[in-house]
Amino acid sequence: MSDPLYLLSVEDGVALVTLNRPQAMNSINRDLRLQLLELFPALDLRDDVNVIVLTGAGDKAFCTGADLKERSARTTADMVHDRHYVIPKFTVAVASVSKPVIAAV
């Protein structure tokens, strides 16, 4: 079984979201983006969460951005779909959270 793409713990009102792809310097691939797209609005609705802290696993990088290796293996149609639909929805999902979101770099 593969490792989860992110780890979540909630304690004392703090939701700690850890990007869990240290072997890829926590770069965001399509699967992780889709999972976070669901996670952030769900955390926003939770009464036991007052703040969201985003961090990365490992000691080399917080997050290096998009997973370029994955992108090079995808079709143009898939990339266009993501560029026009998935990525904007992901950005809005994170930006629309009413609670503070802190990047712990």
PDB file of N, CA and C in Angstrom:
ATOM      1  N   MET A   1       0.840  -1.183   0.000  1.00  0.00           N
ATOM      2  CA  MET A   1       0.000   0.000   0.000  1.00  0.00           C
ATOM      3  C   MET A   1       0.885   1.246   0.000  1.00  0.00           C
ATOM      4  N   SER A   2       0.522   2.222  -0.805  1.00  0.00           N
ATOM      5  CA  SER A   2       1.335   3.436  -0.881  1.00  0.00           C
ATOM      6  C   SER A   2       0.988   4.392   0.255  1.00  0.00           C
ATOM      7  N   ASP A   3       1.925   5.275   0.535  1.00  0.00           N
ATOM      8  CA  ASP A   3       1.721   6.263   1.592  1.00  0.00           C
ATOM      9  C   ASP A   3       0.635   7.247   1.179  1.00  0.00           C
ATOM     10  N   PRO A   4      -0.107   7.792   2.152  1.00  0.00           N
ATOM     11  CA  PRO A   4      -1.098   8.823   1.815  1.00  0.00           C
ATOM     12  C   PRO A   4      -0.391  10.068   1.279  1.00  0.00           C
ATOM     13  N   LEU A   5      -1.059  10.791   0.400  1.00  0.00           N
ATOM     14  CA  LEU A   5      -0.451  11.966  -0.219  1.00  0.00           C
ATOM     15  C   LEU A   5      -0.383  13.153   0.727  1.00  0.00           C
ATOM     16  N   TYR A   6      -1.239  13.150   1.743  1.00  0.00           N
ATOM     17  CA  TYR A   6      -1.155  14.168   2.786  1.00  0.00           C
ATOM     18  C   TYR A   6      -1.519  13.527   4.113  1.00  0.00           C
ATOM     19  N   LEU A   7      -1.041  14.143   5.177  1.00  0.00           N
ATOM     20  CA  LEU A   7      -1.361  13.699   6.527  1.00  0.00           C
ATOM     21  C   LEU A   7      -2.155  14.813   7.187  1.00  0.00           C
ATOM     22  N   LEU A   8      -3.105  14.440   8.037  1.00  0.00           N
ATOM     23  CA  LEU A   8      -3.935  15.428   8.713  1.00  0.00           C
ATOM     24  C   LEU A   8      -4.018  15.100  10.185  1.00  0.00           C
ATOM     25  N   SER A   9      -3.792  16.106  11.007  1.00  0.00           N
ATOM     26  CA  SER A   9      -4.045  15.976  12.439  1.00  0.00           C
ATOM     27  C   SER A   9      -4.731  17.260  12.891  1.00  0.00           C
ATOM     28  N   VAL A  10      -5.671  17.113  13.809  1.00  0.00           N
ATOM     29  CA  VAL A  10      -6.376  18.265  14.362  1.00  0.00           C
ATOM     30  C   VAL A  10      -6.225  18.214  15.867  1.00  0.00           C
ATOM     31  N   GLU A  11      -5.681  19.295  16.425  1.00  0.00           N
ATOM     32  CA  GLU A  11      -5.471  19.364  17.869  1.00  0.00           C
ATOM     33  C   GLU A  11      -5.574  20.815  18.317  1.00  0.00           C
ATOM     34  N   ASP A  12      -6.350  21.038  19.348  1.00  0.00           N
ATOM     35  CA  ASP A  12      -6.513  22.376  19.936  1.00  0.00           C
ATOM     36  C   ASP A  12      -6.887  23.431  18.894  1.00  0.00           C
ATOM     37  N   GLY A  13      -7.760  23.073  17.972  1.00  0.00           N
ATOM     38  CA  GLY A  13      -8.236  24.018  16.969  1.00  0.00           C
ATOM     39  C   GLY A  13      -7.335  24.192  15.766  1.00  0.00           C
ATOM     40  N   VAL A  14      -6.192  23.506  15.753  1.00  0.00           N
ATOM     41  CA  VAL A  14      -5.228  23.638  14.654  1.00  0.00           C
ATOM     42  C   VAL A  14      -5.267  22.382  13.785  1.00  0.00           C
ATOM     43  N   ALA A  15      -5.592  22.572  12.516  1.00  0.00           N
ATOM     44  CA  ALA A  15      -5.524  21.473  11.551  1.00  0.00           C
ATOM     45  C   ALA A  15      -4.151  21.537  10.891  1.00  0.00           C
ATOM     46  N   LEU A  16      -3.354  20.515  11.116  1.00  0.00           N
ATOM     47  CA  LEU A  16      -2.028  20.438  10.511  1.00  0.00           C
ATOM     48  C   LEU A  16      -2.123  19.532   9.289  1.00  0.00           C
ATOM     49  N   VAL A  17      -1.937  20.124   8.111  1.00  0.00           N
ATOM     50  CA  VAL A  17      -1.972  19.390   6.849  1.00  0.00           C
ATOM     51  C   VAL A  17      -0.531  19.279   6.366  1.00  0.00           C
ATOM     52  N   THR A  18      -0.046  18.051   6.252  1.00  0.00           N
ATOM     53  CA  THR A  18       1.335  17.818   5.830  1.00  0.00           C
ATOM     54  C   THR A  18       1.348  17.178   4.448  1.00  0.00           C
ATOM     55  N   LEU A  19       1.908  17.878   3.476  1.00  0.00           N
ATOM     56  CA  LEU A  19       2.102  17.287   2.152  1.00  0.00           C
ATOM     57  C   LEU A  19       3.068  16.127   2.328  1.00  0.00           C
ATOM     58  N   ASN A  20       2.697  14.945   1.849  1.00  0.00           N
ATOM     59  CA  ASN A  20       3.457  13.740   2.171  1.00  0.00           C
ATOM     60  C   ASN A  20       4.053  13.084   0.923  1.00  0.00           C
ATOM     61  N   ARG A  21       4.820  13.860   0.184  1.00  0.00           N
ATOM     62  CA  ARG A  21       5.541  13.336  -0.974  1.00  0.00           C
ATOM     63  C   ARG A  21       7.003  13.761  -0.885  1.00  0.00           C
ATOM     64  N   PRO A  22       7.689  13.417   0.213  1.00  0.00           N
ATOM     65  CA  PRO A  22       9.066  13.900   0.380  1.00  0.00           C
ATOM     66  C   PRO A  22      10.007  13.415  -0.716  1.00  0.00           C
ATOM     67  N   GLN A  23       9.746  12.253  -1.296  1.00  0.00           N
ATOM     68  CA  GLN A  23      10.604  11.730  -2.362  1.00  0.00           C
ATOM     69  C   GLN A  23      10.534  12.610  -3.604  1.00  0.00           C
ATOM     70  N   ALA A  24       9.446  13.383  -3.742  1.00  0.00           N
ATOM     71  CA  ALA A  24       9.274  14.305  -4.869  1.00  0.00           C
ATOM     72  C   ALA A  24       9.290  15.751  -4.378  1.00  0.00           C
ATOM     73  N   MET A  25       9.936  15.964  -3.232  1.00  0.00           N
ATOM     74  CA  MET A  25      10.026  17.283  -2.603  1.00  0.00           C
ATOM     75  C   MET A  25       8.650  17.922  -2.425  1.00  0.00           C
ATOM     76  N   ASN A  26       7.670  17.067  -2.124  1.00  0.00           N
ATOM     77  CA  ASN A  26       6.293  17.484  -1.848  1.00  0.00           C
ATOM     78  C   ASN A  26       5.654  18.254  -3.002  1.00  0.00           C
ATOM     79  N   SER A  27       6.123  17.973  -4.218  1.00  0.00           N
ATOM     80  CA  SER A  27       5.494  18.606  -5.378  1.00  0.00           C
ATOM     81  C   SER A  27       4.049  18.122  -5.478  1.00  0.00           C
ATOM     82  N   ILE A  28       3.215  18.965  -6.044  1.00  0.00           N
ATOM     83  CA  ILE A  28       1.782  18.672  -6.089  1.00  0.00           C
ATOM     84  C   ILE A  28       1.447  18.014  -7.419  1.00  0.00           C
ATOM     85  N   ASN A  29       1.081  16.743  -7.348  1.00  0.00           N
ATOM     86  CA  ASN A  29       0.636  16.036  -8.545  1.00  0.00           C
ATOM     87  C   ASN A  29      -0.891  16.133  -8.629  1.00  0.00           C
ATOM     88  N   ARG A  30      -1.444  15.586  -9.687  1.00  0.00           N
ATOM     89  CA  ARG A  30      -2.893  15.707  -9.902  1.00  0.00           C
ATOM     90  C   ARG A  30      -3.682  15.072  -8.764  1.00  0.00           C
ATOM     91  N   ASP A  31      -3.286  13.889  -8.311  1.00  0.00           N
ATOM     92  CA  ASP A  31      -4.022  13.212  -7.242  1.00  0.00           C
ATOM     93  C   ASP A  31      -4.010  14.024  -5.952  1.00  0.00           C
ATOM     94  N   LEU A  32      -2.858  14.569  -5.595  1.00  0.00           N
ATOM     95  CA  LEU A  32      -2.776  15.384  -4.380  1.00  0.00           C
ATOM     96  C   LEU A  32      -3.630  16.637  -4.526  1.00  0.00           C
ATOM     97  N   ARG A  33      -3.567  17.274  -5.682  1.00  0.00           N
ATOM     98  CA  ARG A  33      -4.373  18.475  -5.917  1.00  0.00           C
ATOM     99  C   ARG A  33      -5.859  18.162  -5.745  1.00  0.00           C
ATOM    100  N   LEU A  34      -6.325  17.049  -6.301  1.00  0.00           N
ATOM    101  CA  LEU A  34      -7.735  16.680  -6.181  1.00  0.00           C
ATOM    102  C   LEU A  34      -8.113  16.381  -4.734  1.00  0.00           C
ATOM    103  N   GLN A  35      -7.210  15.740  -3.996  1.00  0.00           N
ATOM    104  CA  GLN A  35      -7.498  15.453  -2.588  1.00  0.00           C
ATOM    105  C   GLN A  35      -7.550  16.733  -1.757  1.00  0.00           C
ATOM    106  N   LEU A  36      -6.637  17.644  -2.001  1.00  0.00           N
ATOM    107  CA  LEU A  36      -6.642  18.913  -1.267  1.00  0.00           C
ATOM    108  C   LEU A  36      -7.843  19.767  -1.659  1.00  0.00           C
ATOM    109  N   LEU A  37      -8.288  19.636  -2.897  1.00  0.00           N
ATOM    110  CA  LEU A  37      -9.471  20.345  -3.369  1.00  0.00           C
ATOM    111  C   LEU A  37     -10.696  19.967  -2.542  1.00  0.00           C
ATOM    112  N   GLU A  38     -10.767  18.738  -2.091  1.00  0.00           N
ATOM    113  CA  GLU A  38     -11.856  18.290  -1.222  1.00  0.00           C
ATOM    114  C   GLU A  38     -11.581  18.617   0.240  1.00  0.00           C
ATOM    115  N   LEU A  39     -10.327  18.548   0.649  1.00  0.00           N
ATOM    116  CA  LEU A  39      -9.973  18.713   2.057  1.00  0.00           C
ATOM    117  C   LEU A  39     -10.213  20.129   2.571  1.00  0.00           C
ATOM    118  N   PHE A  40      -9.755  21.145   1.849  1.00  0.00           N
ATOM    119  CA  PHE A  40      -9.830  22.510   2.373  1.00  0.00           C
ATOM    120  C   PHE A  40     -11.260  22.970   2.651  1.00  0.00           C
ATOM    121  N   PRO A  41     -12.213  22.769   1.744  1.00  0.00           N
ATOM    122  CA  PRO A  41     -13.591  23.148   2.081  1.00  0.00           C
ATOM    123  C   PRO A  41     -14.147  22.341   3.261  1.00  0.00           C
ATOM    124  N   ALA A  42     -13.755  21.080   3.367  1.00  0.00           N
ATOM    125  CA  ALA A  42     -14.215  20.254   4.493  1.00  0.00           C
ATOM    126  C   ALA A  42     -13.662  20.780   5.812  1.00  0.00           C
ATOM    127  N   LEU A  43     -12.401  21.178   5.824  1.00  0.00           N
ATOM    128  CA  LEU A  43     -11.814  21.743   7.043  1.00  0.00           C
ATOM    129  C   LEU A  43     -12.484  23.063   7.409  1.00  0.00           C
ATOM    130  N   ASP A  44     -12.859  23.828   6.409  1.00  0.00           N
ATOM    131  CA  ASP A  44     -13.518  25.109   6.659  1.00  0.00           C
ATOM    132  C   ASP A  44     -14.856  24.919   7.377  1.00  0.00           C
ATOM    133  N   LEU A  45     -15.515  23.810   7.128  1.00  0.00           N
ATOM    134  CA  LEU A  45     -16.820  23.535   7.742  1.00  0.00           C
ATOM    135  C   LEU A  45     -16.715  22.946   9.144  1.00  0.00           C
ATOM    136  N   ARG A  46     -15.542  22.507   9.524  1.00  0.00           N
ATOM    137  CA  ARG A  46     -15.386  21.855  10.834  1.00  0.00           C
ATOM    138  C   ARG A  46     -15.346  22.874  11.962  1.00  0.00           C
ATOM    139  N   ASP A  47     -16.181  22.658  12.971  1.00  0.00           N
ATOM    140  CA  ASP A  47     -16.221  23.545  14.135  1.00  0.00           C
ATOM    141  C   ASP A  47     -14.989  23.402  15.019  1.00  0.00           C
ATOM    142  N   ASP A  48     -14.318  22.256  14.945  1.00  0.00           N
ATOM    143  CA  ASP A  48     -13.142  22.037  15.793  1.00  0.00           C
ATOM    144  C   ASP A  48     -11.848  22.553  15.159  1.00  0.00           C
ATOM    145  N   VAL A  49     -11.957  23.208  14.011  1.00  0.00           N
ATOM    146  CA  VAL A  49     -10.784  23.766  13.325  1.00  0.00           C
ATOM    147  C   VAL A  49     -10.904  25.286  13.296  1.00  0.00           C
ATOM    148  N   ASN A  50      -9.904  25.967  13.852  1.00  0.00           N
ATOM    149  CA  ASN A  50      -9.860  27.432  13.850  1.00  0.00           C
ATOM    150  C   ASN A  50      -8.810  27.984  12.898  1.00  0.00           C
ATOM    151  N   VAL A  51      -7.802  27.183  12.605  1.00  0.00           N
ATOM    152  CA  VAL A  51      -6.712  27.604  11.728  1.00  0.00           C
ATOM    153  C   VAL A  51      -6.165  26.367  11.018  1.00  0.00           C
ATOM    154  N   ILE A  52      -5.671  26.570   9.796  1.00  0.00           N
ATOM    155  CA  ILE A  52      -5.093  25.480   9.013  1.00  0.00           C
ATOM    156  C   ILE A  52      -3.618  25.802   8.784  1.00  0.00           C
ATOM    157  N   VAL A  53      -2.760  24.866   9.139  1.00  0.00           N
ATOM    158  CA  VAL A  53      -1.321  25.019   8.924  1.00  0.00           C
ATOM    159  C   VAL A  53      -0.906  23.994   7.874  1.00  0.00           C
ATOM    160  N   LEU A  54      -0.283  24.468   6.819  1.00  0.00           N
ATOM    161  CA  LEU A  54       0.163  23.612   5.723  1.00  0.00           C
ATOM    162  C   LEU A  54       1.677  23.500   5.780  1.00  0.00           C
ATOM    163  N   THR A  55       2.165  22.270   5.778  1.00  0.00           N
ATOM    164  CA  THR A  55       3.606  22.039   5.836  1.00  0.00           C
ATOM    165  C   THR A  55       3.958  20.860   4.931  1.00  0.00           C
ATOM    166  N   GLY A  56       5.234  20.561   4.832  1.00  0.00           N
ATOM    167  CA  GLY A  56       5.686  19.467   3.985  1.00  0.00           C
ATOM    168  C   GLY A  56       6.495  18.451   4.765  1.00  0.00           C
ATOM    169  N   ALA A  57       6.385  17.194   4.375  1.00  0.00           N
ATOM    170  CA  ALA A  57       7.138  16.116   5.021  1.00  0.00           C
ATOM    171  C   ALA A  57       8.594  16.149   4.560  1.00  0.00           C
ATOM    172  N   GLY A  58       9.461  15.615   5.395  1.00  0.00           N
ATOM    173  CA  GLY A  58      10.877  15.554   5.057  1.00  0.00           C
ATOM    174  C   GLY A  58      11.598  16.834   5.423  1.00  0.00           C
ATOM    175  N   ASP A  59      12.887  16.851   5.113  1.00  0.00           N
ATOM    176  CA  ASP A  59      13.698  18.007   5.505  1.00  0.00           C
ATOM    177  C   ASP A  59      14.348  18.727   4.316  1.00  0.00           C
ATOM    178  N   LYS A  60      13.945  18.387   3.094  1.00  0.00           N
ATOM    179  CA  LYS A  60      14.559  19.013   1.921  1.00  0.00           C
ATOM    180  C   LYS A  60      13.738  20.164   1.350  1.00  0.00           C
ATOM    181  N   ALA A  61      12.406  20.054   1.400  1.00  0.00           N
ATOM    182  CA  ALA A  61      11.582  21.087   0.770  1.00  0.00           C
ATOM    183  C   ALA A  61      10.193  21.114   1.378  1.00  0.00           C
ATOM    184  N   PHE A  62       9.651  22.320   1.497  1.00  0.00           N
ATOM    185  CA  PHE A  62       8.253  22.482   1.893  1.00  0.00           C
ATOM    186  C   PHE A  62       7.371  21.981   0.757  1.00  0.00           C
ATOM    187  N   CYS A  63       7.537  22.555  -0.417  1.00  0.00           N
ATOM    188  CA  CYS A  63       6.797  22.161  -1.617  1.00  0.00           C
ATOM    189  C   CYS A  63       7.469  22.839  -2.804  1.00  0.00           C
ATOM    190  N   THR A  64       7.780  22.064  -3.821  1.00  0.00           N
ATOM    191  CA  THR A  64       8.456  22.632  -4.988  1.00  0.00           C
ATOM    192  C   THR A  64       7.487  23.036  -6.092  1.00  0.00           C
ATOM    193  N   GLY A  65       6.188  23.006  -5.803  1.00  0.00           N
ATOM    194  CA  GLY A  65       5.191  23.410  -6.795  1.00  0.00           C
ATOM    195  C   GLY A  65       4.629  22.211  -7.531  1.00  0.00           C
ATOM    196  N   ALA A  66       4.299  22.415  -8.792  1.00  0.00           N
ATOM    197  CA  ALA A  66       3.694  21.353  -9.596  1.00  0.00           C
ATOM    198  C   ALA A  66       4.704  20.246  -9.882  1.00  0.00           C
ATOM    199  N   ASP A  67       4.202  19.026  -9.963  1.00  0.00           N
ATOM    200  CA  ASP A  67       5.035  17.874 -10.293  1.00  0.00           C
ATOM    201  C   ASP A  67       5.254  17.862 -11.805  1.00  0.00           C
ATOM    202  N   LEU A  68       6.371  18.398 -12.246  1.00  0.00           N
ATOM    203  CA  LEU A  68       6.642  18.526 -13.677  1.00  0.00           C
ATOM    204  C   LEU A  68       6.890  17.180 -14.346  1.00  0.00           C
ATOM    205  N   LYS A  69       7.422  16.217 -13.614  1.00  0.00           N
ATOM    206  CA  LYS A  69       7.631  14.885 -14.193  1.00  0.00           C
ATOM    207  C   LYS A  69       6.293  14.258 -14.555  1.00  0.00           C
ATOM    208  N   GLU A  70       5.310  14.409 -13.681  1.00  0.00           N
ATOM    209  CA  GLU A  70       3.986  13.860 -13.973  1.00  0.00           C
ATOM    210  C   GLU A  70       3.374  14.567 -15.182  1.00  0.00           C
ATOM    211  N   ARG A  71       3.518  15.870 -15.228  1.00  0.00           N
ATOM    212  CA  ARG A  71       2.920  16.643 -16.317  1.00  0.00           C
ATOM    213  C   ARG A  71       3.481  16.232 -17.668  1.00  0.00           C
ATOM    214  N   SER A  72       4.752  15.900 -17.726  1.00  0.00           N
ATOM    215  CA  SER A  72       5.356  15.534 -19.009  1.00  0.00           C
ATOM    216  C   SER A  72       4.821  14.209 -19.534  1.00  0.00           C
ATOM    217  N   ALA A  73       4.234  13.398 -18.666  1.00  0.00           N
ATOM    218  CA  ALA A  73       3.708  12.097 -19.074  1.00  0.00           C
ATOM    219  C   ALA A  73       2.219  12.149 -19.421  1.00  0.00           C
ATOM    220  N   ARG A  74       1.596  13.308 -19.284  1.00  0.00           N
ATOM    221  CA  ARG A  74       0.154  13.419 -19.512  1.00  0.00           C
ATOM    222  C   ARG A  74      -0.144  13.918 -20.918  1.00  0.00           C
ATOM    223  N   THR A  75      -1.369  13.665 -21.352  1.00  0.00           N
ATOM    224  CA  THR A  75      -1.774  14.126 -22.678  1.00  0.00           C
ATOM    225  C   THR A  75      -2.070  15.622 -22.645  1.00  0.00           C
ATOM    226  N   THR A  76      -2.030  16.224 -23.809  1.00  0.00           N
ATOM    227  CA  THR A  76      -2.341  17.648 -23.913  1.00  0.00           C
ATOM    228  C   THR A  76      -3.767  17.921 -23.458  1.00  0.00           C
ATOM    229  N   ALA A  77      -4.700  17.069 -23.824  1.00  0.00           N
ATOM    230  CA  ALA A  77      -6.100  17.258 -23.427  1.00  0.00           C
ATOM    231  C   ALA A  77      -6.252  17.237 -21.910  1.00  0.00           C
ATOM    232  N   ASP A  78      -5.562  16.316 -21.251  1.00  0.00           N
ATOM    233  CA  ASP A  78      -5.607  16.260 -19.783  1.00  0.00           C
ATOM    234  C   ASP A  78      -5.038  17.532 -19.170  1.00  0.00           C
ATOM    235  N   MET A  79      -3.936  17.991 -19.709  1.00  0.00           N
ATOM    236  CA  MET A  79      -3.303  19.190 -19.157  1.00  0.00           C
ATOM    237  C   MET A  79      -4.174  20.425 -19.378  1.00  0.00           C
ATOM    238  N   VAL A  80      -4.815  20.517 -20.536  1.00  0.00           N
ATOM    239  CA  VAL A  80      -5.714  21.645 -20.801  1.00  0.00           C
ATOM    240  C   VAL A  80      -6.895  21.601 -19.841  1.00  0.00           C
ATOM    241  N   HIS A  81      -7.459  20.430 -19.635  1.00  0.00           N
ATOM    242  CA  HIS A  81      -8.574  20.285 -18.690  1.00  0.00           C
ATOM    243  C   HIS A  81      -8.159  20.746 -17.298  1.00  0.00           C
ATOM    244  N   ASP A  82      -7.019  20.284 -16.839  1.00  0.00           N
ATOM    245  CA  ASP A  82      -6.545  20.686 -15.514  1.00  0.00           C
ATOM    246  C   ASP A  82      -6.297  22.189 -15.450  1.00  0.00           C
ATOM    247  N   ARG A  83      -5.680  22.715 -16.478  1.00  0.00           N
ATOM    248  CA  ARG A  83      -5.329  24.144 -16.489  1.00  0.00           C
ATOM    249  C   ARG A  83      -6.571  25.034 -16.410  1.00  0.00           C
ATOM    250  N   HIS A  84      -7.642  24.609 -17.069  1.00  0.00           N
ATOM    251  CA  HIS A  84      -8.839  25.448 -17.129  1.00  0.00           C
ATOM    252  C   HIS A  84      -9.887  25.116 -16.078  1.00  0.00           C
ATOM    253  N   TYR A  85      -9.843  23.923 -15.493  1.00  0.00           N
ATOM    254  CA  TYR A  85     -10.891  23.526 -14.551  1.00  0.00           C
ATOM    255  C   TYR A  85     -10.356  23.138 -13.175  1.00  0.00           C
ATOM    256  N   VAL A  86      -9.421  22.212 -13.133  1.00  0.00           N
ATOM    257  CA  VAL A  86      -8.975  21.673 -11.842  1.00  0.00           C
ATOM    258  C   VAL A  86      -8.127  22.687 -11.073  1.00  0.00           C
ATOM    259  N   ILE A  87      -7.137  23.261 -11.705  1.00  0.00           N
ATOM    260  CA  ILE A  87      -6.240  24.189 -11.000  1.00  0.00           C
ATOM    261  C   ILE A  87      -6.991  25.425 -10.495  1.00  0.00           C
ATOM    262  N   PRO A  88      -7.855  26.057 -11.303  1.00  0.00           N
ATOM    263  CA  PRO A  88      -8.615  27.187 -10.752  1.00  0.00           C
ATOM    264  C   PRO A  88      -9.522  26.789  -9.588  1.00  0.00           C
ATOM    265  N   LYS A  89     -10.155  25.618  -9.668  1.00  0.00           N
ATOM    266  CA  LYS A  89     -11.001  25.162  -8.559  1.00  0.00           C
ATOM    267  C   LYS A  89     -10.168  24.938  -7.304  1.00  0.00           C
ATOM    268  N   PHE A  90      -8.974  24.398  -7.473  1.00  0.00           N
ATOM    269  CA  PHE A  90      -8.072  24.176  -6.340  1.00  0.00           C
ATOM    270  C   PHE A  90      -7.686  25.509  -5.707  1.00  0.00           C
ATOM    271  N   THR A  91      -7.315  26.465  -6.533  1.00  0.00           N
ATOM    272  CA  THR A  91      -6.918  27.784  -6.033  1.00  0.00           C
ATOM    273  C   THR A  91      -8.061  28.444  -5.277  1.00  0.00           C
ATOM    274  N   VAL A  92      -9.257  28.400  -5.835  1.00  0.00           N
ATOM    275  CA  VAL A  92     -10.427  28.991  -5.179  1.00  0.00           C
ATOM    276  C   VAL A  92     -10.740  28.258  -3.883  1.00  0.00           C
ATOM    277  N   ALA A  93     -10.609  26.938  -3.871  1.00  0.00           N
ATOM    278  CA  ALA A  93     -10.898  26.160  -2.655  1.00  0.00           C
ATOM    279  C   ALA A  93     -10.001  26.583  -1.503  1.00  0.00           C
ATOM    280  N   VAL A  94      -8.734  26.811  -1.775  1.00  0.00           N
ATOM    281  CA  VAL A  94      -7.805  27.231  -0.719  1.00  0.00           C
ATOM    282  C   VAL A  94      -8.052  28.695  -0.351  1.00  0.00           C
ATOM    283  N   ALA A  95      -8.219  29.552  -1.348  1.00  0.00           N
ATOM    284  CA  ALA A  95      -8.391  30.988  -1.098  1.00  0.00           C
ATOM    285  C   ALA A  95      -9.725  31.314  -0.439  1.00  0.00           C
ATOM    286  N   SER A  96     -10.714  30.458  -0.604  1.00  0.00           N
ATOM    287  CA  SER A  96     -12.050  30.727  -0.069  1.00  0.00           C
ATOM    288  C   SER A  96     -12.236  30.286   1.372  1.00  0.00           C
ATOM    289  N   VAL A  97     -11.266  29.612   1.932  1.00  0.00           N
ATOM    290  CA  VAL A  97     -11.383  29.167   3.321  1.00  0.00           C
ATOM    291  C   VAL A  97     -11.500  30.401   4.212  1.00  0.00           C
ATOM    292  N   SER A  98     -12.484  30.385   5.106  1.00  0.00           N
ATOM    293  CA  SER A  98     -12.714  31.546   5.975  1.00  0.00           C
ATOM    294  C   SER A  98     -11.763  31.583   7.167  1.00  0.00           C
ATOM    295  N   LYS A  99     -11.058  30.500   7.381  1.00  0.00           N
ATOM    296  CA  LYS A  99     -10.121  30.411   8.503  1.00  0.00           C
ATOM    297  C   LYS A  99      -8.713  30.744   8.010  1.00  0.00           C
ATOM    298  N   PRO A 100      -7.853  31.228   8.891  1.00  0.00           N
ATOM    299  CA  PRO A 100      -6.478  31.507   8.467  1.00  0.00           C
ATOM    300  C   PRO A 100      -5.779  30.237   7.970  1.00  0.00           C
ATOM    301  N   VAL A 101      -5.045  30.376   6.883  1.00  0.00           N
ATOM    302  CA  VAL A 101      -4.221  29.288   6.349  1.00  0.00           C
ATOM    303  C   VAL A 101      -2.773  29.770   6.417  1.00  0.00           C
ATOM    304  N   ILE A 102      -1.958  29.010   7.127  1.00  0.00           N
ATOM    305  CA  ILE A 102      -0.562  29.388   7.352  1.00  0.00           C
ATOM    306  C   ILE A 102       0.348  28.346   6.707  1.00  0.00           C
ATOM    307  N   ALA A 103       1.319  28.801   5.937  1.00  0.00           N
ATOM    308  CA  ALA A 103       2.329  27.901   5.381  1.00  0.00           C
ATOM    309  C   ALA A 103       3.505  27.860   6.352  1.00  0.00           C
ATOM    310  N   ALA A 104       3.771  26.686   6.898  1.00  0.00           N
ATOM    311  CA  ALA A 104       4.910  26.494   7.806  1.00  0.00           C
ATOM    312  C   ALA A 104       6.060  25.943   6.980  1.00  0.00           C
ATOM    313  N   VAL A 105       6.880  26.840   6.476  1.00  0.00           N
ATOM    314  CA  VAL A 105       7.967  26.475   5.567  1.00  0.00           C
ATOM    315  C   VAL A 105       9.186  26.061   6.357  1.00  0.00           C
TER     316      VAL A 105
END
